[in-house]
Amino acid sequence: MSIYVDELADWGWVMYGKTIQSCHMVTDGDMEELHKFAESIGLKRSYFQDGTKPHYDLTPKRRAKAIEMGAVRIGRHELVELFREQKKKDAAL
């Protein structure tokens, strides 16, 4: 199981009147491990987006902390592939 973060991008986040970049944090393993990892970098469970593409959104500082704690950097194409693999796993259940 690994935790992954994709590239920072402008998704329209505005904090304190300033536009900031963000990224996604995902896993190819157990969601409970993702939640524990998220907590270890200071995220609340309520930040989790549990839809067809389960993930946490990260600010640049949280992304840096996630990488420092062992998250693997991936590109946008790898992120899409992870979501496809997760969808296949879910369909097989």
PDB file of N, CA and C in Angstrom:
ATOM      1  N   MET A   1       0.837  -1.172   0.000  1.00  0.00           N
ATOM      2  CA  MET A   1       0.000   0.000   0.000  1.00  0.00           C
ATOM      3  C   MET A   1       0.886   1.241   0.000  1.00  0.00           C
ATOM      4  N   SER A   2       0.528   2.188  -0.826  1.00  0.00           N
ATOM      5  CA  SER A   2       1.254   3.452  -0.872  1.00  0.00           C
ATOM      6  C   SER A   2       0.270   4.617  -0.836  1.00  0.00           C
ATOM      7  N   ILE A   3       0.790   5.744  -0.398  1.00  0.00           N
ATOM      8  CA  ILE A   3       0.058   7.001  -0.432  1.00  0.00           C
ATOM      9  C   ILE A   3       0.698   7.831  -1.544  1.00  0.00           C
ATOM     10  N   TYR A   4      -0.140   8.461  -2.351  1.00  0.00           N
ATOM     11  CA  TYR A   4       0.349   9.229  -3.497  1.00  0.00           C
ATOM     12  C   TYR A   4      -0.181  10.656  -3.447  1.00  0.00           C
ATOM     13  N   VAL A   5       0.630  11.590  -3.960  1.00  0.00           N
ATOM     14  CA  VAL A   5       0.194  12.968  -4.170  1.00  0.00           C
ATOM     15  C   VAL A   5       0.516  13.341  -5.611  1.00  0.00           C
ATOM     16  N   ASP A   6      -0.436  13.998  -6.258  1.00  0.00           N
ATOM     17  CA  ASP A   6      -0.176  14.423  -7.631  1.00  0.00           C
ATOM     18  C   ASP A   6       0.385  15.842  -7.629  1.00  0.00           C
ATOM     19  N   GLU A   7       0.493  16.400  -8.809  1.00  0.00           N
ATOM     20  CA  GLU A   7       1.100  17.716  -8.979  1.00  0.00           C
ATOM     21  C   GLU A   7       0.172  18.824  -8.483  1.00  0.00           C
ATOM     22  N   LEU A   8       0.761  19.897  -8.025  1.00  0.00           N
ATOM     23  CA  LEU A   8      -0.016  21.072  -7.645  1.00  0.00           C
ATOM     24  C   LEU A   8      -0.622  21.700  -8.897  1.00  0.00           C
ATOM     25  N   ALA A   9      -1.850  22.168  -8.770  1.00  0.00           N
ATOM     26  CA  ALA A   9      -2.538  22.809  -9.890  1.00  0.00           C
ATOM     27  C   ALA A   9      -3.493  23.863  -9.340  1.00  0.00           C
ATOM     28  N   ASP A  10      -3.922  24.735 -10.204  1.00  0.00           N
ATOM     29  CA  ASP A  10      -4.882  25.770  -9.824  1.00  0.00           C
ATOM     30  C   ASP A  10      -6.288  25.218 -10.026  1.00  0.00           C
ATOM     31  N   TRP A  11      -6.939  24.855  -8.924  1.00  0.00           N
ATOM     32  CA  TRP A  11      -8.301  24.314  -8.954  1.00  0.00           C
ATOM     33  C   TRP A  11      -9.312  25.343  -8.465  1.00  0.00           C
ATOM     34  N   GLY A  12      -8.894  26.593  -8.345  1.00  0.00           N
ATOM     35  CA  GLY A  12      -9.811  27.649  -7.936  1.00  0.00           C
ATOM     36  C   GLY A  12      -9.934  27.844  -6.441  1.00  0.00           C
ATOM     37  N   TRP A  13      -9.032  27.258  -5.659  1.00  0.00           N
ATOM     38  CA  TRP A  13      -9.063  27.450  -4.209  1.00  0.00           C
ATOM     39  C   TRP A  13      -8.702  28.886  -3.879  1.00  0.00           C
ATOM     40  N   VAL A  14      -9.464  29.495  -2.997  1.00  0.00           N
ATOM     41  CA  VAL A  14      -9.156  30.836  -2.515  1.00  0.00           C
ATOM     42  C   VAL A  14      -9.110  30.775  -0.997  1.00  0.00           C
ATOM     43  N   MET A  15      -7.982  31.179  -0.429  1.00  0.00           N
ATOM     44  CA  MET A  15      -7.813  31.220   1.024  1.00  0.00           C
ATOM     45  C   MET A  15      -7.319  32.604   1.396  1.00  0.00           C
ATOM     46  N   TYR A  16      -8.028  33.231   2.324  1.00  0.00           N
ATOM     47  CA  TYR A  16      -7.661  34.564   2.782  1.00  0.00           C
ATOM     48  C   TYR A  16      -7.558  35.539   1.608  1.00  0.00           C
ATOM     49  N   GLY A  17      -8.451  35.384   0.630  1.00  0.00           N
ATOM     50  CA  GLY A  17      -8.497  36.272  -0.516  1.00  0.00           C
ATOM     51  C   GLY A  17      -7.430  36.029  -1.558  1.00  0.00           C
ATOM     52  N   LYS A  18      -6.691  34.940  -1.431  1.00  0.00           N
ATOM     53  CA  LYS A  18      -5.580  34.637  -2.328  1.00  0.00           C
ATOM     54  C   LYS A  18      -5.796  33.273  -2.986  1.00  0.00           C
ATOM     55  N   THR A  19      -5.637  33.190  -4.301  1.00  0.00           N
ATOM     56  CA  THR A  19      -5.761  31.910  -5.000  1.00  0.00           C
ATOM     57  C   THR A  19      -4.524  31.076  -4.714  1.00  0.00           C
ATOM     58  N   ILE A  20      -4.746  29.815  -4.326  1.00  0.00           N
ATOM     59  CA  ILE A  20      -3.622  28.917  -4.062  1.00  0.00           C
ATOM     60  C   ILE A  20      -3.784  27.637  -4.865  1.00  0.00           C
ATOM     61  N   GLN A  21      -2.676  26.975  -5.095  1.00  0.00           N
ATOM     62  CA  GLN A  21      -2.703  25.691  -5.774  1.00  0.00           C
ATOM     63  C   GLN A  21      -3.003  24.586  -4.766  1.00  0.00           C
ATOM     64  N   SER A  22      -3.460  23.459  -5.281  1.00  0.00           N
ATOM     65  CA  SER A  22      -3.712  22.300  -4.432  1.00  0.00           C
ATOM     66  C   SER A  22      -3.435  21.033  -5.234  1.00  0.00           C
ATOM     67  N   CYS A  23      -3.484  19.909  -4.538  1.00  0.00           N
ATOM     68  CA  CYS A  23      -3.292  18.619  -5.193  1.00  0.00           C
ATOM     69  C   CYS A  23      -4.176  17.587  -4.500  1.00  0.00           C
ATOM     70  N   HIS A  24      -4.109  16.363  -4.975  1.00  0.00           N
ATOM     71  CA  HIS A  24      -4.896  15.264  -4.428  1.00  0.00           C
ATOM     72  C   HIS A  24      -3.988  14.269  -3.715  1.00  0.00           C
ATOM     73  N   MET A  25      -4.477  13.690  -2.638  1.00  0.00           N
ATOM     74  CA  MET A  25      -3.771  12.612  -1.949  1.00  0.00           C
ATOM     75  C   MET A  25      -4.662  11.380  -1.987  1.00  0.00           C
ATOM     76  N   VAL A  26      -4.109  10.279  -2.498  1.00  0.00           N
ATOM     77  CA  VAL A  26      -4.871   9.044  -2.699  1.00  0.00           C
ATOM     78  C   VAL A  26      -4.045   7.844  -2.238  1.00  0.00           C
ATOM     79  N   THR A  27      -4.662   6.682  -2.270  1.00  0.00           N
ATOM     80  CA  THR A  27      -3.964   5.443  -1.938  1.00  0.00           C
ATOM     81  C   THR A  27      -4.348   4.347  -2.917  1.00  0.00           C
ATOM     82  N   ASP A  28      -3.475   3.357  -3.035  1.00  0.00           N
ATOM     83  CA  ASP A  28      -3.810   2.162  -3.805  1.00  0.00           C
ATOM     84  C   ASP A  28      -4.145   1.014  -2.855  1.00  0.00           C
ATOM     85  N   GLY A  29      -4.298   1.346  -1.593  1.00  0.00           N
ATOM     86  CA  GLY A  29      -4.570   0.328  -0.581  1.00  0.00           C
ATOM     87  C   GLY A  29      -5.815   0.627   0.218  1.00  0.00           C
ATOM     88  N   ASP A  30      -5.740   0.314   1.491  1.00  0.00           N
ATOM     89  CA  ASP A  30      -6.862   0.440   2.412  1.00  0.00           C
ATOM     90  C   ASP A  30      -7.141   1.908   2.744  1.00  0.00           C
ATOM     91  N   MET A  31      -8.397   2.298   2.673  1.00  0.00           N
ATOM     92  CA  MET A  31      -8.779   3.679   2.958  1.00  0.00           C
ATOM     93  C   MET A  31      -8.475   4.062   4.403  1.00  0.00           C
ATOM     94  N   GLU A  32      -8.538   3.111   5.318  1.00  0.00           N
ATOM     95  CA  GLU A  32      -8.245   3.422   6.724  1.00  0.00           C
ATOM     96  C   GLU A  32      -6.794   3.872   6.876  1.00  0.00           C
ATOM     97  N   GLU A  33      -5.885   3.282   6.099  1.00  0.00           N
ATOM     98  CA  GLU A  33      -4.485   3.715   6.117  1.00  0.00           C
ATOM     99  C   GLU A  33      -4.349   5.137   5.578  1.00  0.00           C
ATOM    100  N   LEU A  34      -5.128   5.466   4.553  1.00  0.00           N
ATOM    101  CA  LEU A  34      -5.122   6.827   4.008  1.00  0.00           C
ATOM    102  C   LEU A  34      -5.598   7.810   5.078  1.00  0.00           C
ATOM    103  N   HIS A  35      -6.643   7.444   5.792  1.00  0.00           N
ATOM    104  CA  HIS A  35      -7.157   8.316   6.851  1.00  0.00           C
ATOM    105  C   HIS A  35      -6.118   8.525   7.960  1.00  0.00           C
ATOM    106  N   LYS A  36      -5.432   7.464   8.338  1.00  0.00           N
ATOM    107  CA  LYS A  36      -4.399   7.578   9.371  1.00  0.00           C
ATOM    108  C   LYS A  36      -3.260   8.474   8.894  1.00  0.00           C
ATOM    109  N   PHE A  37      -2.872   8.311   7.649  1.00  0.00           N
ATOM    110  CA  PHE A  37      -1.812   9.141   7.083  1.00  0.00           C
ATOM    111  C   PHE A  37      -2.253  10.603   7.067  1.00  0.00           C
ATOM    112  N   ALA A  38      -3.479  10.831   6.619  1.00  0.00           N
ATOM    113  CA  ALA A  38      -4.017  12.190   6.572  1.00  0.00           C
ATOM    114  C   ALA A  38      -3.988  12.832   7.958  1.00  0.00           C
ATOM    115  N   GLU A  39      -4.395  12.068   8.953  1.00  0.00           N
ATOM    116  CA  GLU A  39      -4.373  12.586  10.326  1.00  0.00           C
ATOM    117  C   GLU A  39      -2.949  12.928  10.749  1.00  0.00           C
ATOM    118  N   SER A  40      -1.984  12.112  10.328  1.00  0.00           N
ATOM    119  CA  SER A  40      -0.593  12.343  10.727  1.00  0.00           C
ATOM    120  C   SER A  40      -0.012  13.630  10.137  1.00  0.00           C
ATOM    121  N   ILE A  41      -0.626  14.145   9.062  1.00  0.00           N
ATOM    122  CA  ILE A  41      -0.153  15.411   8.489  1.00  0.00           C
ATOM    123  C   ILE A  41      -1.098  16.564   8.833  1.00  0.00           C
ATOM    124  N   GLY A  42      -2.009  16.306   9.761  1.00  0.00           N
ATOM    125  CA  GLY A  42      -2.844  17.373  10.294  1.00  0.00           C
ATOM    126  C   GLY A  42      -4.183  17.580   9.621  1.00  0.00           C
ATOM    127  N   LEU A  43      -4.660  16.617   8.861  1.00  0.00           N
ATOM    128  CA  LEU A  43      -5.960  16.753   8.203  1.00  0.00           C
ATOM    129  C   LEU A  43      -7.066  16.125   9.042  1.00  0.00           C
ATOM    130  N   LYS A  44      -8.233  16.717   8.981  1.00  0.00           N
ATOM    131  CA  LYS A  44      -9.414  16.153   9.637  1.00  0.00           C
ATOM    132  C   LYS A  44     -10.066  15.138   8.704  1.00  0.00           C
ATOM    133  N   ARG A  45     -10.685  14.130   9.282  1.00  0.00           N
ATOM    134  CA  ARG A  45     -11.381  13.109   8.487  1.00  0.00           C
ATOM    135  C   ARG A  45     -12.507  13.738   7.662  1.00  0.00           C
ATOM    136  N   SER A  46     -13.075  14.797   8.159  1.00  0.00           N
ATOM    137  CA  SER A  46     -14.175  15.455   7.442  1.00  0.00           C
ATOM    138  C   SER A  46     -13.710  16.070   6.117  1.00  0.00           C
ATOM    139  N   TYR A  47     -12.407  16.210   5.917  1.00  0.00           N
ATOM    140  CA  TYR A  47     -11.890  16.745   4.654  1.00  0.00           C
ATOM    141  C   TYR A  47     -11.902  15.701   3.538  1.00  0.00           C
ATOM    142  N   PHE A  48     -12.069  14.432   3.889  1.00  0.00           N
ATOM    143  CA  PHE A  48     -12.050  13.345   2.909  1.00  0.00           C
ATOM    144  C   PHE A  48     -13.210  13.482   1.940  1.00  0.00           C
ATOM    145  N   GLN A  49     -12.919  13.307   0.663  1.00  0.00           N
ATOM    146  CA  GLN A  49     -13.945  13.373  -0.374  1.00  0.00           C
ATOM    147  C   GLN A  49     -14.210  11.949  -0.865  1.00  0.00           C
ATOM    148  N   ASP A  50     -15.291  11.395  -0.381  1.00  0.00           N
ATOM    149  CA  ASP A  50     -15.626   9.989  -0.622  1.00  0.00           C
ATOM    150  C   ASP A  50     -16.637   9.871  -1.754  1.00  0.00           C
ATOM    151  N   GLY A  51     -16.151   9.947  -2.956  1.00  0.00           N
ATOM    152  CA  GLY A  51     -17.017   9.797  -4.122  1.00  0.00           C
ATOM    153  C   GLY A  51     -16.461   8.715  -5.019  1.00  0.00           C
ATOM    154  N   THR A  52     -16.633   8.875  -6.298  1.00  0.00           N
ATOM    155  CA  THR A  52     -16.094   7.884  -7.236  1.00  0.00           C
ATOM    156  C   THR A  52     -14.574   7.930  -7.288  1.00  0.00           C
ATOM    157  N   LYS A  53     -13.999   9.024  -6.807  1.00  0.00           N
ATOM    158  CA  LYS A  53     -12.540   9.185  -6.761  1.00  0.00           C
ATOM    159  C   LYS A  53     -12.147   9.629  -5.350  1.00  0.00           C
ATOM    160  N   PRO A  54     -12.123   8.693  -4.395  1.00  0.00           N
ATOM    161  CA  PRO A  54     -11.874   9.057  -2.998  1.00  0.00           C
ATOM    162  C   PRO A  54     -10.484   9.668  -2.800  1.00  0.00           C
ATOM    163  N   HIS A  55     -10.446  10.848  -2.167  1.00  0.00           N
ATOM    164  CA  HIS A  55      -9.175  11.548  -1.991  1.00  0.00           C
ATOM    165  C   HIS A  55      -9.296  12.651  -0.945  1.00  0.00           C
ATOM    166  N   TYR A  56      -8.139  13.169  -0.585  1.00  0.00           N
ATOM    167  CA  TYR A  56      -8.036  14.394   0.192  1.00  0.00           C
ATOM    168  C   TYR A  56      -7.417  15.449  -0.719  1.00  0.00           C
ATOM    169  N   ASP A  57      -7.841  16.696  -0.586  1.00  0.00           N
ATOM    170  CA  ASP A  57      -7.188  17.812  -1.262  1.00  0.00           C
ATOM    171  C   ASP A  57      -6.141  18.380  -0.311  1.00  0.00           C
ATOM    172  N   LEU A  58      -4.976  18.735  -0.868  1.00  0.00           N
ATOM    173  CA  LEU A  58      -3.888  19.254  -0.054  1.00  0.00           C
ATOM    174  C   LEU A  58      -3.434  20.624  -0.532  1.00  0.00           C
ATOM    175  N   THR A  59      -3.109  21.479   0.412  1.00  0.00           N
ATOM    176  CA  THR A  59      -2.450  22.744   0.115  1.00  0.00           C
ATOM    177  C   THR A  59      -0.971  22.450  -0.154  1.00  0.00           C
ATOM    178  N   PRO A  60      -0.220  23.401  -0.684  1.00  0.00           N
ATOM    179  CA  PRO A  60       1.211  23.160  -0.911  1.00  0.00           C
ATOM    180  C   PRO A  60       1.964  22.737   0.354  1.00  0.00           C
ATOM    181  N   LYS A  61       1.655  23.352   1.498  1.00  0.00           N
ATOM    182  CA  LYS A  61       2.348  22.976   2.740  1.00  0.00           C
ATOM    183  C   LYS A  61       2.016  21.554   3.159  1.00  0.00           C
ATOM    184  N   ARG A  62       0.747  21.162   3.040  1.00  0.00           N
ATOM    185  CA  ARG A  62       0.360  19.790   3.404  1.00  0.00           C
ATOM    186  C   ARG A  62       0.967  18.786   2.425  1.00  0.00           C
ATOM    187  N   ARG A  63       1.053  19.158   1.141  1.00  0.00           N
ATOM    188  CA  ARG A  63       1.690  18.280   0.152  1.00  0.00           C
ATOM    189  C   ARG A  63       3.156  18.047   0.526  1.00  0.00           C
ATOM    190  N   ALA A  64       3.858  19.113   0.865  1.00  0.00           N
ATOM    191  CA  ALA A  64       5.265  18.992   1.262  1.00  0.00           C
ATOM    192  C   ALA A  64       5.401  18.088   2.488  1.00  0.00           C
ATOM    193  N   LYS A  65       4.499  18.236   3.450  1.00  0.00           N
ATOM    194  CA  LYS A  65       4.524  17.398   4.660  1.00  0.00           C
ATOM    195  C   LYS A  65       4.257  15.939   4.295  1.00  0.00           C
ATOM    196  N   ALA A  66       3.293  15.698   3.398  1.00  0.00           N
ATOM    197  CA  ALA A  66       2.985  14.329   2.981  1.00  0.00           C
ATOM    198  C   ALA A  66       4.197  13.676   2.322  1.00  0.00           C
ATOM    199  N   ILE A  67       4.884  14.410   1.476  1.00  0.00           N
ATOM    200  CA  ILE A  67       6.084  13.875   0.820  1.00  0.00           C
ATOM    201  C   ILE A  67       7.169  13.601   1.852  1.00  0.00           C
ATOM    202  N   GLU A  68       7.341  14.520   2.787  1.00  0.00           N
ATOM    203  CA  GLU A  68       8.304  14.338   3.868  1.00  0.00           C
ATOM    204  C   GLU A  68       8.001  13.065   4.668  1.00  0.00           C
ATOM    205  N   MET A  69       6.708  12.748   4.824  1.00  0.00           N
ATOM    206  CA  MET A  69       6.282  11.577   5.595  1.00  0.00           C
ATOM    207  C   MET A  69       6.240  10.290   4.755  1.00  0.00           C
ATOM    208  N   GLY A  70       6.590  10.382   3.464  1.00  0.00           N
ATOM    209  CA  GLY A  70       6.698   9.167   2.651  1.00  0.00           C
ATOM    210  C   GLY A  70       5.744   9.035   1.488  1.00  0.00           C
ATOM    211  N   ALA A  71       4.882  10.017   1.257  1.00  0.00           N
ATOM    212  CA  ALA A  71       3.981   9.935   0.101  1.00  0.00           C
ATOM    213  C   ALA A  71       4.809   9.975  -1.192  1.00  0.00           C
ATOM    214  N   VAL A  72       4.321   9.273  -2.181  1.00  0.00           N
ATOM    215  CA  VAL A  72       4.998   9.170  -3.471  1.00  0.00           C
ATOM    216  C   VAL A  72       4.415  10.200  -4.430  1.00  0.00           C
ATOM    217  N   ARG A  73       5.283  10.950  -5.085  1.00  0.00           N
ATOM    218  CA  ARG A  73       4.837  11.934  -6.084  1.00  0.00           C
ATOM    219  C   ARG A  73       4.497  11.228  -7.388  1.00  0.00           C
ATOM    220  N   ILE A  74       3.337  11.571  -7.947  1.00  0.00           N
ATOM    221  CA  ILE A  74       2.926  11.017  -9.230  1.00  0.00           C
ATOM    222  C   ILE A  74       2.384  12.144 -10.111  1.00  0.00           C
ATOM    223  N   GLY A  75       2.307  11.856 -11.399  1.00  0.00           N
ATOM    224  CA  GLY A  75       1.741  12.813 -12.341  1.00  0.00           C
ATOM    225  C   GLY A  75       0.240  12.609 -12.487  1.00  0.00           C
ATOM    226  N   ARG A  76      -0.369  13.479 -13.235  1.00  0.00           N
ATOM    227  CA  ARG A  76      -1.814  13.443 -13.448  1.00  0.00           C
ATOM    228  C   ARG A  76      -2.244  12.127 -14.116  1.00  0.00           C
ATOM    229  N   HIS A  77      -1.452  11.633 -15.076  1.00  0.00           N
ATOM    230  CA  HIS A  77      -1.815  10.392 -15.769  1.00  0.00           C
ATOM    231  C   HIS A  77      -1.788   9.189 -14.829  1.00  0.00           C
ATOM    232  N   GLU A  78      -0.797   9.153 -13.938  1.00  0.00           N
ATOM    233  CA  GLU A  78      -0.735   8.058 -12.962  1.00  0.00           C
ATOM    234  C   GLU A  78      -1.904   8.127 -11.990  1.00  0.00           C
ATOM    235  N   LEU A  79      -2.307   9.336 -11.630  1.00  0.00           N
ATOM    236  CA  LEU A  79      -3.463   9.498 -10.748  1.00  0.00           C
ATOM    237  C   LEU A  79      -4.721   8.922 -11.400  1.00  0.00           C
ATOM    238  N   VAL A  80      -4.931   9.244 -12.653  1.00  0.00           N
ATOM    239  CA  VAL A  80      -6.103   8.733 -13.379  1.00  0.00           C
ATOM    240  C   VAL A  80      -6.053   7.211 -13.422  1.00  0.00           C
ATOM    241  N   GLU A  81      -4.881   6.647 -13.644  1.00  0.00           N
ATOM    242  CA  GLU A  81      -4.745   5.183 -13.683  1.00  0.00           C
ATOM    243  C   GLU A  81      -5.057   4.567 -12.321  1.00  0.00           C
ATOM    244  N   LEU A  82      -4.635   5.197 -11.238  1.00  0.00           N
ATOM    245  CA  LEU A  82      -4.978   4.701  -9.899  1.00  0.00           C
ATOM    246  C   LEU A  82      -6.487   4.683  -9.690  1.00  0.00           C
ATOM    247  N   PHE A  83      -7.160   5.746 -10.116  1.00  0.00           N
ATOM    248  CA  PHE A  83      -8.615   5.788  -9.995  1.00  0.00           C
ATOM    249  C   PHE A  83      -9.267   4.683 -10.828  1.00  0.00           C
ATOM    250  N   ARG A  84      -8.749   4.417 -12.013  1.00  0.00           N
ATOM    251  CA  ARG A  84      -9.290   3.336 -12.860  1.00  0.00           C
ATOM    252  C   ARG A  84      -9.117   1.978 -12.196  1.00  0.00           C
ATOM    253  N   GLU A  85      -7.948   1.748 -11.619  1.00  0.00           N
ATOM    254  CA  GLU A  85      -7.692   0.480 -10.937  1.00  0.00           C
ATOM    255  C   GLU A  85      -8.612   0.314  -9.729  1.00  0.00           C
ATOM    256  N   GLN A  86      -8.822   1.395  -8.991  1.00  0.00           N
ATOM    257  CA  GLN A  86      -9.726   1.337  -7.837  1.00  0.00           C
ATOM    258  C   GLN A  86     -11.145   1.006  -8.280  1.00  0.00           C
ATOM    259  N   LYS A  87     -11.570   1.601  -9.389  1.00  0.00           N
ATOM    260  CA  LYS A  87     -12.909   1.339  -9.900  1.00  0.00           C
ATOM    261  C   LYS A  87     -13.057  -0.136 -10.294  1.00  0.00           C
ATOM    262  N   LYS A  88     -12.013  -0.719 -10.881  1.00  0.00           N
ATOM    263  CA  LYS A  88     -12.042  -2.145 -11.249  1.00  0.00           C
ATOM    264  C   LYS A  88     -12.155  -3.011 -10.006  1.00  0.00           C
ATOM    265  N   LYS A  89     -11.382  -2.671  -8.961  1.00  0.00           N
ATOM    266  CA  LYS A  89     -11.418  -3.417  -7.705  1.00  0.00           C
ATOM    267  C   LYS A  89     -12.821  -3.362  -7.101  1.00  0.00           C
ATOM    268  N   ASP A  90     -13.405  -2.172  -7.084  1.00  0.00           N
ATOM    269  CA  ASP A  90     -14.733  -1.997  -6.502  1.00  0.00           C
ATOM    270  C   ASP A  90     -15.787  -2.780  -7.295  1.00  0.00           C
ATOM    271  N   ALA A  91     -15.649  -2.815  -8.616  1.00  0.00           N
ATOM    272  CA  ALA A  91     -16.609  -3.531  -9.465  1.00  0.00           C
ATOM    273  C   ALA A  91     -16.504  -5.040  -9.240  1.00  0.00           C
ATOM    274  N   ALA A  92     -15.325  -5.525  -8.893  1.00  0.00           N
ATOM    275  CA  ALA A  92     -15.124  -6.953  -8.682  1.00  0.00           C
ATOM    276  C   ALA A  92     -15.712  -7.430  -7.358  1.00  0.00           C
ATOM    277  N   LEU A  93     -15.970  -6.510  -6.442  1.00  0.00           N
ATOM    278  CA  LEU A  93     -16.510  -6.910  -5.123  1.00  0.00           C
ATOM    279  C   LEU A  93     -17.955  -7.273  -5.161  1.00  0.00           C
TER     280      LEU A  93
END
